[in-house]
């Protein structure tokens, strides 16, 4: 019953997380596109940064952006914050349900670091928290006033975190934490900088004071950071479906390449929306293409080491009985599952033949399975499995 309840909590939380996440990303993309579309002409008032005309859904829209703020506070002011807040909250709940409650299966790999579940959870919470404070301190330092050096240091921070996670957690847990590390920074940017700064400017307007433009500039900087991190974080957060990424021996380097691909592609989109000519921005997809080619080369399939002797059906069934059946049975005995993941059952030779490509991807080409290698699946065992699969 507990596993059944956990499954439904996982499903509903994941659904909610996707809904509010889509809302947050959509709002972010819209406002960045709007921000780069403003134009100023001789008739534009001095306190207005620019004007944009938009058409969508059969309607025409006329939008002004003030250089700092309007002279007086409007009666109706729409805030955009709850999608970001709820994305983070639901993400943390999902992390707790999927990873913290099943830390031994999803986060811990004794070959990487033998941890107790409470230790893995403590490292997880501590790393995500430390990541935000480190990033925020960097942005508030003199380095924060220089765009390219700041971007380079933030890149090193994220890649450094990825390297650290891969030396603490299982492959799946490590790569997911890279995404959570970046996602925490993005959500905290909204909660700790963007919204508070906007609220201070509103309070200054109410008090009859001139709003501090530096507050708006800082909020804008963090908003831009968020939009450039969006494409990489989306792939990192779904990486658990792709062991070719999460369980690669150099998965931290793949995380770096995802940043190299996603960041420039987002830049290309933003600058194209701003009206820059292709000749001026083609360097961005070119860099992304180099990063993608490097990732394809790094993840190119390698010939599996095969067992020297022929492996019988009896031997391979003994392997699956020891290492797989607790999860991949019609009625799993593993506490974390009420049914076989993805409907993959491995109790008979016909099952092994039917799911051979999946088995090879998860247990031969990578060490994604068994989860957390709870059963101690050795390289010799994988070689036997590879030999049997090759023969069939």
Protein backbone atom coordinates (compact mmCIF):
# COMPACT_ATOMS: atom_id res chain seq x y z
CA UNK A 1 0.00 0.00 0.00
CA UNK A 2 2.89 2.37 0.78
CA UNK A 3 4.44 1.81 -2.66
CA UNK A 4 1.02 2.34 -4.28
CA UNK A 5 0.56 5.66 -2.45
CA UNK A 6 4.11 6.71 -3.34
CA UNK A 7 3.43 5.97 -7.02
CA UNK A 8 0.37 8.21 -7.07
CA UNK A 9 2.15 10.95 -5.14
CA UNK A 10 4.97 10.72 -7.67
CA UNK A 11 2.59 10.87 -10.65
CA UNK A 12 0.56 13.81 -9.37
CA UNK A 13 3.63 15.77 -8.23
CA UNK A 14 5.40 15.19 -11.54
CA UNK A 15 2.29 16.31 -13.47
CA UNK A 16 1.96 19.43 -11.33
CA UNK A 17 5.70 20.11 -11.68
CA UNK A 18 5.41 19.95 -15.47
CA UNK A 19 2.37 22.24 -15.53
CA UNK A 20 3.88 25.03 -13.43
CA UNK A 21 7.30 24.54 -15.04
CA UNK A 22 5.82 25.05 -18.50
CA UNK A 23 4.09 28.17 -17.18
CA UNK A 24 7.34 29.54 -15.72
CA UNK A 25 9.38 28.84 -18.85
CA UNK A 26 6.65 30.24 -21.10
CA UNK A 27 6.50 33.46 -19.08
CA UNK A 28 10.29 33.76 -19.08
CA UNK A 29 10.54 33.21 -22.83
CA UNK A 30 7.73 35.68 -23.50
CA UNK A 31 9.19 38.51 -21.43
CA UNK A 32 12.69 38.04 -22.82
CA UNK A 33 11.25 38.14 -26.36
CA UNK A 34 9.19 41.19 -25.40
CA UNK A 35 12.17 42.92 -23.81
CA UNK A 36 14.31 42.67 -26.93
CA UNK A 37 11.46 43.85 -29.17
CA UNK A 38 11.13 47.37 -27.73
CA UNK A 39 11.91 50.21 -30.10
CA UNK A 40 12.29 53.93 -29.40
CA UNK A 41 11.45 56.72 -31.84
CA UNK A 42 11.54 60.54 -31.58
CA UNK A 43 7.98 60.61 -30.25
CA UNK A 44 8.72 58.23 -27.36
CA UNK A 45 8.58 60.01 -23.97
CA UNK A 46 11.91 60.39 -22.19
CA UNK A 47 10.86 58.16 -19.30
CA UNK A 48 9.88 55.31 -21.64
CA UNK A 49 12.59 52.84 -22.67
CA UNK A 50 10.72 51.71 -25.77
CA UNK A 51 7.48 50.56 -27.34
CA UNK A 52 6.45 47.21 -28.82
CA UNK A 53 3.51 46.27 -31.04
CA UNK A 54 2.42 42.63 -30.85
CA UNK A 55 -0.20 40.56 -32.59
CA UNK A 56 -1.47 37.22 -31.28
CA UNK A 57 -4.72 35.29 -31.27
CA UNK A 58 -6.52 37.80 -33.44
CA UNK A 59 -5.65 40.75 -31.20
CA UNK A 60 -3.20 43.67 -31.36
CA UNK A 61 -1.22 44.75 -28.29
CA UNK A 62 0.66 47.98 -27.58
CA UNK A 63 3.20 47.74 -24.75
CA UNK A 64 5.50 50.39 -23.26
CA UNK A 65 8.52 49.68 -21.07
CA UNK A 66 9.63 52.39 -18.68
CA UNK A 67 13.32 53.18 -18.35
CA UNK A 68 13.05 52.59 -14.59
CA UNK A 69 9.43 52.82 -13.41
CA UNK A 70 6.24 54.82 -14.07
CA UNK A 71 5.81 58.16 -12.23
CA UNK A 72 3.02 56.68 -10.09
CA UNK A 73 1.99 53.16 -9.17
CA UNK A 74 -0.77 51.85 -11.46
CA UNK A 75 -3.97 50.58 -9.87
CA UNK A 76 -3.54 47.09 -11.29
CA UNK A 77 -0.08 45.53 -11.33
CA UNK A 78 0.34 41.92 -12.46
CA UNK A 79 3.09 39.94 -10.75
CA UNK A 80 4.69 36.85 -12.28
CA UNK A 81 6.15 34.71 -9.55
CA UNK A 82 3.98 31.77 -8.52
CA UNK A 83 4.89 29.54 -11.46
CA UNK A 84 8.56 29.83 -10.46
CA UNK A 85 7.87 29.27 -6.77
CA UNK A 86 5.63 26.27 -7.36
CA UNK A 87 8.04 24.74 -9.87
CA UNK A 88 10.72 24.74 -7.19
CA UNK A 89 8.44 23.49 -4.41
CA UNK A 90 7.00 20.68 -6.53
CA UNK A 91 10.51 19.82 -7.72
CA UNK A 92 11.71 19.44 -4.14
CA UNK A 93 8.68 17.27 -3.30
CA UNK A 94 9.43 15.15 -6.38
CA UNK A 95 13.08 14.91 -5.32
CA UNK A 96 11.97 13.73 -1.89
CA UNK A 97 9.46 11.18 -3.21
CA UNK A 98 11.64 9.79 -6.00
CA UNK A 99 15.19 10.15 -4.70
CA UNK A 100 15.38 10.89 -0.98
CA UNK A 101 12.84 8.24 0.04
CA UNK A 102 14.59 5.74 -2.25
CA UNK A 103 18.11 7.00 -1.74
CA UNK A 104 19.68 3.55 -1.65
CA UNK A 105 18.27 2.69 -5.07
CA UNK A 106 18.42 6.04 -6.88
CA UNK A 107 21.22 8.05 -5.26
CA UNK A 108 23.75 5.67 -3.78
CA UNK A 109 26.24 3.50 -5.66
CA UNK A 110 28.69 1.78 -3.29
CA UNK A 111 31.28 1.65 -6.09
CA UNK A 112 31.25 5.46 -6.23
CA UNK A 113 30.90 6.22 -2.51
CA UNK A 114 29.45 3.96 0.20
CA UNK A 115 26.87 6.21 1.87
CA UNK A 116 24.00 5.74 4.24
CA UNK A 117 20.69 7.21 2.97
CA UNK A 118 20.75 10.04 5.54
CA UNK A 119 24.25 10.99 4.41
CA UNK A 120 23.23 11.09 0.75
CA UNK A 121 20.18 13.24 1.59
CA UNK A 122 22.28 15.61 3.70
CA UNK A 123 24.82 16.02 0.90
CA UNK A 124 22.00 16.62 -1.56
CA UNK A 125 20.39 19.39 0.51
CA UNK A 126 23.74 20.92 1.45
CA UNK A 127 25.05 21.00 -2.12
CA UNK A 128 21.90 22.59 -3.55
CA UNK A 129 21.93 25.23 -0.83
CA UNK A 130 25.66 25.94 -1.14
CA UNK A 131 25.32 26.21 -4.92
CA UNK A 132 22.86 29.11 -4.64
CA UNK A 133 24.91 31.04 -2.07
CA UNK A 134 28.10 30.58 -4.10
CA UNK A 135 26.43 31.71 -7.31
CA UNK A 136 24.78 34.69 -5.59
CA UNK A 137 28.08 35.79 -4.04
CA UNK A 138 29.76 35.63 -7.45
CA UNK A 139 27.02 37.75 -9.03
CA UNK A 140 27.23 40.35 -6.25
CA UNK A 141 31.02 40.56 -6.49
CA UNK A 142 32.83 42.96 -8.89
CA UNK A 143 32.89 40.04 -11.34
CA UNK A 144 29.11 40.35 -11.59
CA UNK A 145 29.53 43.58 -13.59
CA UNK A 146 31.35 41.81 -16.44
CA UNK A 147 29.15 39.63 -18.65
CA UNK A 148 31.56 37.18 -20.29
CA UNK A 149 33.87 36.57 -17.29
CA UNK A 150 30.79 36.10 -15.08
CA UNK A 151 29.33 33.61 -17.55
CA UNK A 152 32.62 31.71 -17.62
CA UNK A 153 32.81 31.49 -13.82
CA UNK A 154 29.18 30.35 -13.53
CA UNK A 155 29.91 27.72 -16.21
CA UNK A 156 32.88 26.48 -14.15
CA UNK A 157 30.72 26.47 -11.01
CA UNK A 158 28.08 24.23 -12.63
CA UNK A 159 30.63 21.90 -14.24
CA UNK A 160 32.52 21.71 -10.94
CA UNK A 161 29.30 20.74 -9.19
CA UNK A 162 28.67 18.10 -11.87
CA UNK A 163 32.16 16.67 -11.33
CA UNK A 164 31.58 16.55 -7.59
CA UNK A 165 28.17 14.89 -7.88
CA UNK A 166 29.56 12.14 -10.12
CA UNK A 167 32.09 11.31 -7.41
CA UNK A 168 29.44 11.09 -4.70
CA UNK A 169 26.17 9.77 -6.16
CA UNK A 170 25.13 7.07 -8.59
CA UNK A 171 25.12 8.07 -12.26
CA UNK A 172 21.39 8.67 -12.29
CA UNK A 173 21.43 10.56 -9.00
CA UNK A 174 24.42 12.67 -9.99
CA UNK A 175 23.06 13.92 -13.30
CA UNK A 176 19.65 14.68 -11.81
CA UNK A 177 21.39 16.72 -9.12
CA UNK A 178 23.17 18.79 -11.74
CA UNK A 179 19.74 19.75 -13.07
CA UNK A 180 18.46 20.40 -9.53
CA UNK A 181 21.57 22.49 -8.79
CA UNK A 182 20.84 24.75 -11.78
CA UNK A 183 17.09 24.73 -11.13
CA UNK A 184 17.64 25.84 -7.53
CA UNK A 185 19.75 28.76 -8.72
CA UNK A 186 17.04 29.76 -11.20
CA UNK A 187 14.21 29.57 -8.65
CA UNK A 188 16.23 31.39 -6.01
CA UNK A 189 16.96 34.13 -8.54
CA UNK A 190 13.22 34.76 -8.67
CA UNK A 191 12.54 34.34 -4.95
CA UNK A 192 15.62 36.08 -3.57
CA UNK A 193 16.45 38.75 -6.16
CA UNK A 194 13.94 39.42 -8.94
CA UNK A 195 10.71 39.66 -6.93
CA UNK A 196 12.27 41.34 -3.82
CA UNK A 197 13.93 43.99 -6.00
CA UNK A 198 10.71 44.66 -7.84
CA UNK A 199 8.87 44.90 -4.53
CA UNK A 200 11.41 47.42 -3.22
CA UNK A 201 10.86 49.55 -6.33
CA UNK A 202 7.09 49.41 -5.79
CA UNK A 203 7.56 50.43 -2.14
CA UNK A 204 9.70 53.36 -3.27
CA UNK A 205 6.93 54.45 -5.67
CA UNK A 206 4.32 54.23 -2.90
CA UNK A 207 6.55 56.34 -0.66
CA UNK A 208 6.82 58.98 -3.38
CA UNK A 209 10.51 58.27 -3.95
CA UNK A 210 12.32 57.73 -7.23
CA UNK A 211 12.82 53.97 -7.70
CA UNK A 212 16.42 52.78 -7.67
CA UNK A 213 17.29 51.70 -11.21
CA UNK A 214 20.07 49.46 -9.92
CA UNK A 215 17.49 47.15 -8.38
CA UNK A 216 15.84 46.71 -11.78
CA UNK A 217 19.18 46.15 -13.48
CA UNK A 218 20.08 43.40 -11.00
CA UNK A 219 16.70 41.72 -11.46
CA UNK A 220 17.12 41.91 -15.25
CA UNK A 221 20.56 40.28 -15.01
CA UNK A 222 19.21 37.31 -13.05
CA UNK A 223 16.26 36.99 -15.45
CA UNK A 224 18.68 36.79 -18.38
CA UNK A 225 20.72 34.15 -16.54
CA UNK A 226 17.57 32.12 -16.05
CA UNK A 227 16.62 32.18 -19.72
CA UNK A 228 20.10 31.06 -20.80
CA UNK A 229 20.05 28.17 -18.32
CA UNK A 230 16.58 26.96 -19.32
CA UNK A 231 17.47 24.72 -22.28
CA UNK A 232 20.34 22.92 -20.49
CA UNK A 233 18.34 22.35 -17.30
CA UNK A 234 15.42 20.82 -19.19
CA UNK A 235 17.64 18.08 -20.65
CA UNK A 236 19.41 17.50 -17.34
CA UNK A 237 16.10 17.02 -15.54
CA UNK A 238 14.96 14.27 -17.95
CA UNK A 239 18.40 12.62 -18.06
CA UNK A 240 17.25 9.72 -15.87
CA UNK A 241 15.51 8.34 -18.96
CA UNK A 242 18.81 8.22 -20.87
CA UNK A 243 21.61 6.20 -19.25
CA UNK A 244 23.79 7.13 -22.23
CA UNK A 245 24.03 10.52 -20.49
CA UNK A 246 23.60 9.87 -16.79
CA UNK A 247 25.67 6.70 -16.54
CA UNK A 248 28.50 7.63 -18.86
CA UNK A 249 31.93 7.41 -17.15
CA UNK A 250 32.48 11.10 -17.94
CA UNK A 251 28.92 12.29 -17.40
CA UNK A 252 30.19 15.53 -15.83
CA UNK A 253 31.80 16.35 -19.18
CA UNK A 254 28.49 15.66 -20.91
CA UNK A 255 26.86 18.13 -18.51
CA UNK A 256 29.42 20.70 -19.65
CA UNK A 257 28.64 19.96 -23.29
CA UNK A 258 24.90 20.31 -22.64
CA UNK A 259 25.63 23.84 -21.39
CA UNK A 260 27.76 24.48 -24.48
CA UNK A 261 24.90 23.35 -26.73
CA UNK A 262 21.91 24.82 -24.87
CA UNK A 263 23.31 28.24 -23.95
CA UNK A 264 24.31 29.31 -27.49
CA UNK A 265 21.07 27.97 -28.99
CA UNK A 266 19.10 30.09 -26.52
CA UNK A 267 21.30 33.08 -27.39
CA UNK A 268 20.60 32.55 -31.08
CA UNK A 269 16.85 32.51 -30.42
CA UNK A 270 16.98 35.64 -28.25
CA UNK A 271 19.09 37.65 -30.67
CA UNK A 272 17.01 36.51 -33.65
CA UNK A 273 13.93 37.78 -31.80
CA UNK A 274 15.80 41.04 -31.25
CA UNK A 275 16.21 41.41 -35.00
CA UNK A 276 19.94 40.66 -35.34
CA UNK A 277 21.00 39.51 -38.79
CA UNK A 278 21.95 35.85 -39.24
CA UNK A 279 25.52 36.76 -40.15
CA UNK A 280 25.90 38.32 -36.72
CA UNK A 281 24.60 35.36 -34.70
CA UNK A 282 25.45 32.23 -36.72
CA UNK A 283 28.48 31.71 -34.47
CA UNK A 284 26.08 30.56 -31.71
CA UNK A 285 24.59 27.51 -33.48
CA UNK A 286 28.08 26.76 -34.81
CA UNK A 287 29.40 26.47 -31.24
CA UNK A 288 26.34 24.40 -30.30
CA UNK A 289 27.03 22.08 -33.25
CA UNK A 290 30.63 21.56 -32.10
CA UNK A 291 29.37 20.73 -28.60
CA UNK A 292 26.82 18.28 -29.97
CA UNK A 293 29.40 16.56 -32.17
CA UNK A 294 31.71 16.25 -29.16
CA UNK A 295 28.85 14.68 -27.14
CA UNK A 296 28.10 12.23 -29.96
CA UNK A 297 31.75 11.20 -30.14
CA UNK A 298 32.02 10.88 -26.36
CA UNK A 299 28.92 8.66 -26.15
CA UNK A 300 29.64 6.57 -29.25
CA UNK A 301 28.92 2.88 -28.45
CA UNK A 302 31.94 0.79 -27.61
CA UNK A 303 32.29 -2.94 -28.12
CA UNK A 304 31.26 -4.71 -24.95
CA UNK A 305 33.68 -7.10 -23.29
CA UNK A 306 32.28 -10.59 -23.81
CA UNK A 307 32.63 -13.63 -21.63
CA UNK A 308 35.13 -16.07 -23.07
CA UNK A 309 32.97 -19.17 -22.61
CA UNK A 310 29.49 -19.63 -23.99
CA UNK A 311 26.82 -18.59 -21.48
CA UNK A 312 23.87 -20.94 -21.11
CA UNK A 313 20.23 -19.96 -20.66
CA UNK A 314 20.39 -21.40 -17.15
CA UNK A 315 23.36 -19.17 -16.25
CA UNK A 316 21.76 -15.98 -17.58
CA UNK A 317 18.48 -16.75 -15.81
CA UNK A 318 20.46 -17.22 -12.59
CA UNK A 319 21.97 -13.75 -13.15
CA UNK A 320 18.60 -12.12 -13.72
CA UNK A 321 17.11 -13.96 -10.74
CA UNK A 322 19.82 -12.50 -8.51
CA UNK A 323 20.06 -9.00 -9.93
CA UNK A 324 16.84 -8.15 -11.81
CA UNK A 325 13.77 -10.09 -10.75
CA UNK A 326 13.18 -8.22 -7.49
CA UNK A 327 12.06 -5.28 -9.67
CA UNK A 328 11.39 -6.80 -13.09
CA UNK A 329 8.84 -9.43 -12.18
CA UNK A 330 5.09 -9.62 -12.66
CA UNK A 331 4.87 -9.00 -8.91
CA UNK A 332 8.08 -7.23 -7.80
CA UNK A 333 9.42 -7.86 -4.32
CA UNK A 334 11.43 -4.62 -4.21
CA UNK A 335 9.84 -2.16 -1.77
CA UNK A 336 10.00 0.65 -4.32
CA UNK A 337 7.84 -0.98 -7.01
CA UNK A 338 4.32 -2.38 -7.26
CA UNK A 339 4.80 -3.45 -10.89
CA UNK A 340 7.72 -3.99 -13.24
CA UNK A 341 9.26 -0.66 -14.39
CA UNK A 342 8.14 0.13 -17.97
CA UNK A 343 6.42 -3.26 -18.07
CA UNK A 344 9.78 -5.01 -18.50
CA UNK A 345 9.65 -8.48 -16.93
CA UNK A 346 12.76 -10.66 -17.06
CA UNK A 347 11.69 -13.99 -15.65
CA UNK A 348 12.06 -16.13 -18.79
CA UNK A 349 14.37 -16.52 -21.77
CA UNK A 350 11.69 -15.18 -24.10
CA UNK A 351 11.52 -12.03 -21.96
CA UNK A 352 15.27 -11.55 -22.20
CA UNK A 353 15.19 -11.88 -25.99
CA UNK A 354 12.21 -9.53 -26.27
CA UNK A 355 13.81 -6.80 -24.17
CA UNK A 356 17.40 -7.42 -25.28
CA UNK A 357 18.01 -3.87 -26.62
CA UNK A 358 16.84 -2.33 -23.35
CA UNK A 359 18.88 -4.77 -21.29
CA UNK A 360 21.97 -4.00 -23.33
CA UNK A 361 21.51 -0.23 -22.96
CA UNK A 362 20.86 -0.38 -19.21
CA UNK A 363 23.13 -3.19 -17.97
CA UNK A 364 25.84 -3.73 -20.59
CA UNK A 365 26.55 -0.44 -22.39
CA UNK A 366 26.12 1.37 -19.05
CA UNK A 367 25.84 0.40 -15.41
CA UNK A 368 22.44 2.06 -14.92
CA UNK A 369 20.95 -1.21 -13.74
CA UNK A 370 20.55 -2.60 -11.16
CA UNK A 371 19.55 0.68 -9.48
CA UNK A 372 22.33 1.73 -7.19
CA UNK A 373 23.90 -1.65 -7.93
CA UNK A 374 22.24 -2.86 -4.74
CA UNK A 375 22.89 -6.50 -5.66
CA UNK A 376 26.58 -6.10 -6.54
CA UNK A 377 26.39 -6.77 -10.30
CA UNK A 378 30.07 -7.23 -11.24
CA UNK A 379 31.91 -6.53 -14.49
CA UNK A 380 32.24 -10.31 -14.92
CA UNK A 381 28.45 -10.65 -14.61
CA UNK A 382 27.95 -7.92 -17.23
CA UNK A 383 30.40 -9.68 -19.55
CA UNK A 384 28.39 -12.90 -19.25
CA UNK A 385 25.15 -11.05 -19.94
CA UNK A 386 26.75 -9.30 -22.93
CA UNK A 387 27.92 -12.66 -24.30
CA UNK A 388 24.49 -14.20 -23.96
CA UNK A 389 22.79 -11.21 -25.60
CA UNK A 390 25.29 -11.24 -28.45
CA UNK A 391 24.57 -14.93 -29.07
CA UNK A 392 20.83 -14.27 -29.24
